[in-house]
N, C-alpha and C. Protein backbone atom coordinates (compact mmCIF):
# COMPACT_ATOMS: atom_id res chain seq x y z
N MET A 1 -2.81 11.81 3.20
CA MET A 1 -2.89 10.44 2.74
C MET A 1 -3.18 10.46 1.24
N SER A 2 -2.41 9.71 0.48
CA SER A 2 -2.57 9.68 -0.97
C SER A 2 -3.77 8.80 -1.35
N PRO A 3 -4.28 8.96 -2.57
CA PRO A 3 -5.36 8.08 -3.02
C PRO A 3 -4.99 6.59 -2.92
N LEU A 4 -3.74 6.25 -3.21
CA LEU A 4 -3.34 4.84 -3.11
C LEU A 4 -3.36 4.35 -1.67
N ASP A 5 -2.99 5.22 -0.72
CA ASP A 5 -3.08 4.87 0.70
C ASP A 5 -4.53 4.61 1.09
N VAL A 6 -5.43 5.45 0.59
CA VAL A 6 -6.86 5.28 0.89
C VAL A 6 -7.35 3.94 0.33
N LEU A 7 -6.94 3.60 -0.89
CA LEU A 7 -7.35 2.32 -1.47
C LEU A 7 -6.84 1.14 -0.65
N GLU A 8 -5.61 1.24 -0.15
CA GLU A 8 -5.06 0.17 0.70
C GLU A 8 -5.86 0.04 2.00
N GLN A 9 -6.20 1.17 2.60
CA GLN A 9 -6.99 1.13 3.83
C GLN A 9 -8.38 0.57 3.58
N ARG A 10 -8.93 0.86 2.42
CA ARG A 10 -10.24 0.31 2.06
C ARG A 10 -10.18 -1.20 1.96
N CYS A 11 -9.16 -1.72 1.29
CA CYS A 11 -9.00 -3.18 1.19
C CYS A 11 -8.89 -3.80 2.58
N ALA A 12 -8.10 -3.18 3.45
CA ALA A 12 -7.92 -3.70 4.80
C ALA A 12 -9.23 -3.69 5.58
N ALA A 13 -10.00 -2.61 5.47
CA ALA A 13 -11.27 -2.51 6.19
C ALA A 13 -12.27 -3.56 5.69
N VAL A 14 -12.34 -3.74 4.38
CA VAL A 14 -13.29 -4.70 3.81
C VAL A 14 -12.93 -6.12 4.22
N THR A 15 -11.67 -6.50 4.11
CA THR A 15 -11.29 -7.88 4.45
C THR A 15 -11.33 -8.13 5.95
N ALA A 16 -11.25 -7.08 6.76
CA ALA A 16 -11.38 -7.22 8.21
C ALA A 16 -12.84 -7.18 8.66
N GLN A 17 -13.77 -7.01 7.71
CA GLN A 17 -15.19 -6.90 8.01
C GLN A 17 -15.45 -5.72 8.95
N ASP A 18 -14.73 -4.63 8.77
CA ASP A 18 -14.83 -3.46 9.64
C ASP A 18 -15.61 -2.36 8.91
N ALA A 19 -16.92 -2.39 9.07
CA ALA A 19 -17.80 -1.43 8.39
C ALA A 19 -17.52 0.00 8.84
N ASP A 20 -17.18 0.18 10.11
CA ASP A 20 -16.91 1.53 10.60
C ASP A 20 -15.64 2.09 9.97
N ALA A 21 -14.58 1.30 9.90
CA ALA A 21 -13.34 1.77 9.27
C ALA A 21 -13.58 2.08 7.80
N PHE A 22 -14.38 1.25 7.13
CA PHE A 22 -14.71 1.49 5.73
C PHE A 22 -15.45 2.82 5.59
N ALA A 23 -16.49 3.02 6.37
CA ALA A 23 -17.30 4.25 6.28
C ALA A 23 -16.47 5.48 6.63
N ASP A 24 -15.57 5.34 7.58
CA ASP A 24 -14.76 6.48 8.01
C ASP A 24 -13.78 6.96 6.94
N LEU A 25 -13.58 6.17 5.89
CA LEU A 25 -12.74 6.60 4.77
C LEU A 25 -13.45 7.63 3.88
N PHE A 26 -14.75 7.77 4.06
CA PHE A 26 -15.55 8.66 3.21
C PHE A 26 -15.67 10.05 3.83
N ALA A 27 -15.79 11.04 2.97
CA ALA A 27 -16.15 12.38 3.41
C ALA A 27 -17.57 12.33 3.97
N PRO A 28 -17.93 13.28 4.83
CA PRO A 28 -19.29 13.27 5.38
C PRO A 28 -20.38 13.21 4.31
N ASP A 29 -20.14 13.83 3.16
CA ASP A 29 -21.12 13.81 2.07
C ASP A 29 -20.70 12.86 0.94
N GLY A 30 -19.87 11.88 1.27
CA GLY A 30 -19.41 10.91 0.29
C GLY A 30 -20.55 10.11 -0.32
N VAL A 31 -20.29 9.53 -1.47
CA VAL A 31 -21.32 8.81 -2.22
C VAL A 31 -20.74 7.49 -2.74
N ILE A 32 -21.56 6.45 -2.67
CA ILE A 32 -21.27 5.19 -3.36
C ILE A 32 -22.33 5.04 -4.44
N GLU A 33 -21.89 4.72 -5.65
CA GLU A 33 -22.80 4.41 -6.75
C GLU A 33 -22.52 3.00 -7.22
N LEU A 34 -23.59 2.21 -7.38
CA LEU A 34 -23.50 0.80 -7.76
C LEU A 34 -24.42 0.55 -8.94
N PRO A 35 -24.05 1.04 -10.13
CA PRO A 35 -24.98 0.97 -11.26
C PRO A 35 -25.33 -0.44 -11.73
N PHE A 36 -24.51 -1.45 -11.45
CA PHE A 36 -24.79 -2.80 -11.92
C PHE A 36 -25.07 -3.77 -10.78
N ALA A 37 -25.39 -3.28 -9.61
CA ALA A 37 -25.47 -4.13 -8.42
C ALA A 37 -26.66 -5.09 -8.39
N GLY A 38 -27.72 -4.79 -9.06
CA GLY A 38 -28.85 -5.70 -9.06
C GLY A 38 -30.04 -5.16 -8.30
N PRO A 39 -31.15 -5.90 -8.33
CA PRO A 39 -32.42 -5.38 -7.82
C PRO A 39 -32.48 -5.21 -6.31
N ASP A 40 -31.71 -5.94 -5.53
CA ASP A 40 -31.79 -5.87 -4.08
C ASP A 40 -30.80 -4.88 -3.46
N VAL A 41 -30.07 -4.16 -4.29
CA VAL A 41 -29.03 -3.25 -3.81
C VAL A 41 -29.33 -1.85 -4.36
N PRO A 42 -29.23 -0.83 -3.50
CA PRO A 42 -29.49 0.53 -4.02
C PRO A 42 -28.44 0.94 -5.05
N ASP A 43 -28.87 1.78 -5.98
CA ASP A 43 -27.96 2.31 -7.00
C ASP A 43 -27.02 3.37 -6.42
N ARG A 44 -27.48 4.04 -5.36
CA ARG A 44 -26.73 5.18 -4.82
C ARG A 44 -26.94 5.25 -3.30
N ILE A 45 -25.84 5.42 -2.58
CA ILE A 45 -25.88 5.61 -1.14
C ILE A 45 -25.18 6.94 -0.87
N GLU A 46 -25.88 7.85 -0.22
CA GLU A 46 -25.35 9.21 -0.01
C GLU A 46 -25.11 9.47 1.46
N GLY A 47 -23.90 9.94 1.78
CA GLY A 47 -23.55 10.35 3.12
C GLY A 47 -22.85 9.24 3.89
N ARG A 48 -21.86 9.64 4.71
CA ARG A 48 -21.04 8.68 5.45
C ARG A 48 -21.89 7.77 6.35
N GLU A 49 -22.89 8.33 7.01
CA GLU A 49 -23.66 7.49 7.94
C GLU A 49 -24.54 6.49 7.19
N ALA A 50 -25.08 6.87 6.04
CA ALA A 50 -25.83 5.92 5.21
C ALA A 50 -24.89 4.85 4.67
N ILE A 51 -23.67 5.25 4.33
CA ILE A 51 -22.66 4.28 3.87
C ILE A 51 -22.32 3.31 4.99
N ARG A 52 -22.23 3.80 6.22
CA ARG A 52 -21.95 2.94 7.37
C ARG A 52 -23.05 1.87 7.54
N VAL A 53 -24.30 2.30 7.46
CA VAL A 53 -25.43 1.37 7.58
C VAL A 53 -25.40 0.35 6.45
N PHE A 54 -25.16 0.82 5.24
CA PHE A 54 -25.08 -0.07 4.08
C PHE A 54 -23.93 -1.07 4.24
N ALA A 55 -22.76 -0.59 4.66
CA ALA A 55 -21.59 -1.46 4.80
C ALA A 55 -21.83 -2.53 5.86
N ARG A 56 -22.47 -2.16 6.96
CA ARG A 56 -22.78 -3.16 7.99
C ARG A 56 -23.68 -4.26 7.44
N ALA A 57 -24.71 -3.85 6.71
CA ALA A 57 -25.62 -4.84 6.13
C ALA A 57 -24.91 -5.70 5.09
N ALA A 58 -24.12 -5.08 4.23
CA ALA A 58 -23.40 -5.83 3.19
C ALA A 58 -22.42 -6.82 3.81
N MET A 59 -21.72 -6.39 4.86
CA MET A 59 -20.73 -7.25 5.48
C MET A 59 -21.36 -8.37 6.30
N SER A 60 -22.61 -8.20 6.67
CA SER A 60 -23.29 -9.31 7.36
C SER A 60 -23.78 -10.35 6.35
N ALA A 61 -23.94 -9.95 5.10
CA ALA A 61 -24.40 -10.87 4.05
C ALA A 61 -23.26 -11.50 3.26
N LEU A 62 -22.16 -10.78 3.11
CA LEU A 62 -21.00 -11.23 2.33
C LEU A 62 -19.74 -11.09 3.16
N ARG A 63 -18.88 -12.07 3.07
CA ARG A 63 -17.56 -11.95 3.69
C ARG A 63 -16.53 -11.94 2.57
N VAL A 64 -15.80 -10.85 2.45
CA VAL A 64 -14.75 -10.73 1.45
C VAL A 64 -13.43 -11.08 2.14
N ASP A 65 -12.85 -12.20 1.74
CA ASP A 65 -11.59 -12.65 2.33
C ASP A 65 -10.39 -12.05 1.62
N VAL A 66 -10.53 -11.81 0.32
CA VAL A 66 -9.46 -11.24 -0.49
C VAL A 66 -10.06 -10.10 -1.30
N LEU A 67 -9.44 -8.95 -1.21
CA LEU A 67 -9.78 -7.83 -2.09
C LEU A 67 -8.45 -7.31 -2.63
N ARG A 68 -8.16 -7.70 -3.85
CA ARG A 68 -6.86 -7.40 -4.45
C ARG A 68 -7.03 -6.35 -5.54
N THR A 69 -6.20 -5.33 -5.47
CA THR A 69 -6.15 -4.34 -6.53
C THR A 69 -5.22 -4.85 -7.60
N LEU A 70 -5.76 -5.14 -8.78
CA LEU A 70 -4.97 -5.69 -9.89
C LEU A 70 -4.23 -4.61 -10.65
N ALA A 71 -4.84 -3.43 -10.76
CA ALA A 71 -4.22 -2.32 -11.47
C ALA A 71 -4.87 -1.02 -11.00
N VAL A 72 -4.10 0.03 -11.00
CA VAL A 72 -4.60 1.37 -10.71
C VAL A 72 -4.23 2.27 -11.87
N HIS A 73 -5.20 3.00 -12.35
CA HIS A 73 -5.00 3.91 -13.47
C HIS A 73 -5.24 5.34 -12.99
N ARG A 74 -4.25 6.16 -13.14
CA ARG A 74 -4.38 7.57 -12.78
C ARG A 74 -5.00 8.32 -13.96
N THR A 75 -5.64 9.41 -13.64
CA THR A 75 -6.27 10.22 -14.68
C THR A 75 -5.62 11.60 -14.69
N GLU A 76 -6.03 12.44 -15.60
CA GLU A 76 -5.52 13.80 -15.64
C GLU A 76 -5.94 14.59 -14.40
N ASP A 77 -7.02 14.18 -13.77
CA ASP A 77 -7.49 14.80 -12.53
C ASP A 77 -6.82 14.07 -11.37
N PRO A 78 -5.99 14.72 -10.57
CA PRO A 78 -5.26 14.02 -9.51
C PRO A 78 -6.15 13.43 -8.42
N GLU A 79 -7.40 13.85 -8.35
CA GLU A 79 -8.33 13.30 -7.36
C GLU A 79 -8.97 12.00 -7.83
N VAL A 80 -8.88 11.69 -9.11
CA VAL A 80 -9.61 10.56 -9.68
C VAL A 80 -8.65 9.43 -10.05
N VAL A 81 -8.95 8.25 -9.54
CA VAL A 81 -8.22 7.04 -9.91
C VAL A 81 -9.23 5.96 -10.26
N VAL A 82 -8.79 5.05 -11.12
CA VAL A 82 -9.61 3.91 -11.52
C VAL A 82 -8.84 2.66 -11.10
N ALA A 83 -9.53 1.77 -10.40
CA ALA A 83 -8.90 0.53 -9.93
C ALA A 83 -9.60 -0.67 -10.54
N GLU A 84 -8.82 -1.64 -10.94
CA GLU A 84 -9.34 -2.94 -11.34
C GLU A 84 -9.12 -3.87 -10.16
N THR A 85 -10.18 -4.54 -9.70
CA THR A 85 -10.06 -5.34 -8.49
C THR A 85 -10.58 -6.76 -8.69
N LEU A 86 -10.13 -7.62 -7.79
CA LEU A 86 -10.61 -8.99 -7.69
C LEU A 86 -11.00 -9.22 -6.24
N ALA A 87 -12.21 -9.70 -6.03
CA ALA A 87 -12.69 -10.02 -4.69
C ALA A 87 -13.00 -11.51 -4.62
N LYS A 88 -12.65 -12.12 -3.48
CA LYS A 88 -12.98 -13.52 -3.23
C LYS A 88 -13.53 -13.61 -1.82
N GLY A 89 -14.57 -14.42 -1.66
CA GLY A 89 -15.16 -14.56 -0.34
C GLY A 89 -16.28 -15.55 -0.32
N VAL A 90 -17.19 -15.34 0.64
CA VAL A 90 -18.32 -16.23 0.83
C VAL A 90 -19.57 -15.38 1.03
N GLY A 91 -20.63 -15.75 0.33
CA GLY A 91 -21.92 -15.08 0.47
C GLY A 91 -23.03 -16.10 0.38
N ARG A 92 -23.95 -16.06 1.33
CA ARG A 92 -25.06 -17.02 1.39
C ARG A 92 -24.56 -18.46 1.39
N GLY A 93 -23.42 -18.67 2.05
CA GLY A 93 -22.88 -20.01 2.20
C GLY A 93 -22.07 -20.52 1.02
N ASP A 94 -21.99 -19.75 -0.05
CA ASP A 94 -21.26 -20.18 -1.24
C ASP A 94 -20.04 -19.31 -1.48
N ALA A 95 -18.95 -19.95 -1.87
CA ALA A 95 -17.75 -19.21 -2.24
C ALA A 95 -18.01 -18.45 -3.54
N PHE A 96 -17.41 -17.28 -3.66
CA PHE A 96 -17.56 -16.49 -4.88
C PHE A 96 -16.25 -15.79 -5.19
N GLU A 97 -16.15 -15.35 -6.43
CA GLU A 97 -15.12 -14.39 -6.82
C GLU A 97 -15.74 -13.46 -7.85
N GLY A 98 -15.25 -12.25 -7.88
CA GLY A 98 -15.79 -11.28 -8.82
C GLY A 98 -14.78 -10.20 -9.12
N ARG A 99 -14.88 -9.67 -10.30
CA ARG A 99 -14.00 -8.58 -10.74
C ARG A 99 -14.81 -7.30 -10.85
N SER A 100 -14.12 -6.19 -10.63
CA SER A 100 -14.77 -4.88 -10.71
C SER A 100 -13.82 -3.88 -11.35
N VAL A 101 -14.42 -2.89 -11.93
CA VAL A 101 -13.72 -1.67 -12.28
C VAL A 101 -14.35 -0.61 -11.39
N GLN A 102 -13.49 0.08 -10.63
CA GLN A 102 -13.98 1.03 -9.63
C GLN A 102 -13.35 2.39 -9.86
N LEU A 103 -14.20 3.41 -9.86
CA LEU A 103 -13.75 4.78 -10.02
C LEU A 103 -13.86 5.47 -8.67
N PHE A 104 -12.81 6.18 -8.29
CA PHE A 104 -12.79 6.91 -7.02
C PHE A 104 -12.44 8.37 -7.26
N ARG A 105 -13.11 9.24 -6.53
CA ARG A 105 -12.68 10.63 -6.39
C ARG A 105 -12.29 10.78 -4.92
N ILE A 106 -11.03 11.07 -4.68
CA ILE A 106 -10.48 11.14 -3.32
C ILE A 106 -9.82 12.50 -3.15
N ARG A 107 -10.26 13.20 -2.10
CA ARG A 107 -9.69 14.52 -1.81
C ARG A 107 -9.33 14.59 -0.33
N ASP A 108 -8.13 15.07 -0.05
CA ASP A 108 -7.67 15.24 1.34
C ASP A 108 -7.82 13.96 2.15
N GLY A 109 -7.54 12.81 1.52
CA GLY A 109 -7.58 11.53 2.22
C GLY A 109 -8.96 10.97 2.48
N ARG A 110 -9.99 11.54 1.88
CA ARG A 110 -11.37 11.06 2.06
C ARG A 110 -12.00 10.77 0.70
N ILE A 111 -12.77 9.70 0.65
CA ILE A 111 -13.47 9.33 -0.59
C ILE A 111 -14.70 10.20 -0.75
N LEU A 112 -14.77 10.91 -1.86
CA LEU A 112 -15.96 11.70 -2.19
C LEU A 112 -16.93 10.87 -3.02
N LEU A 113 -16.37 10.05 -3.91
CA LEU A 113 -17.19 9.22 -4.80
C LEU A 113 -16.50 7.89 -5.00
N PHE A 114 -17.28 6.83 -4.85
CA PHE A 114 -16.83 5.47 -5.14
C PHE A 114 -17.90 4.88 -6.04
N ARG A 115 -17.56 4.70 -7.31
CA ARG A 115 -18.49 4.12 -8.29
C ARG A 115 -17.95 2.74 -8.66
N ASP A 116 -18.75 1.73 -8.40
CA ASP A 116 -18.31 0.34 -8.54
C ASP A 116 -19.07 -0.34 -9.68
N TYR A 117 -18.33 -0.71 -10.72
CA TYR A 117 -18.89 -1.46 -11.84
C TYR A 117 -18.50 -2.92 -11.63
N THR A 118 -19.33 -3.63 -10.88
CA THR A 118 -19.04 -5.01 -10.51
C THR A 118 -19.61 -5.95 -11.56
N GLY A 119 -18.79 -6.91 -11.96
CA GLY A 119 -19.25 -7.97 -12.83
C GLY A 119 -20.01 -9.01 -12.01
N PRO A 120 -20.54 -10.02 -12.64
CA PRO A 120 -21.27 -11.05 -11.90
C PRO A 120 -20.34 -11.82 -10.96
N LEU A 121 -20.87 -12.17 -9.80
CA LEU A 121 -20.12 -13.01 -8.86
C LEU A 121 -20.21 -14.45 -9.37
N ARG A 122 -19.08 -15.12 -9.33
CA ARG A 122 -19.02 -16.49 -9.86
C ARG A 122 -18.40 -17.40 -8.84
N LYS A 123 -18.66 -18.68 -9.00
CA LYS A 123 -17.98 -19.67 -8.18
C LYS A 123 -16.52 -19.74 -8.62
N PRO A 124 -15.60 -19.82 -7.65
CA PRO A 124 -14.18 -19.88 -8.04
C PRO A 124 -13.89 -21.11 -8.90
N ALA A 125 -12.95 -20.96 -9.81
CA ALA A 125 -12.58 -22.07 -10.71
C ALA A 125 -11.77 -23.10 -9.96
């Protein structure tokens, strides 16, 4: 499975609210880093099972109806891609949209690293 296939499956899992499918995209020792996520969200989640627990909690708090990849940038390292994304959904009863720049390291069809630089969530225009 190519990195782009993995990104497509990730979008499908997130919009389907399928935390297990999302977590299963990660290597057993996969990592999520969320450097700008805010005080109530961990900066780093290590391991597929911890990612599964985190994804279940996140998906119970936020519903992402649209997760669109706006652009994908390949790097000199074939395992690393950078995606620009737009998410739209509902959290705490309010509609939101937000943009992110996301860095992925994907090897053998599994995510080793997902680093998400999420901007502030805003009310849709």
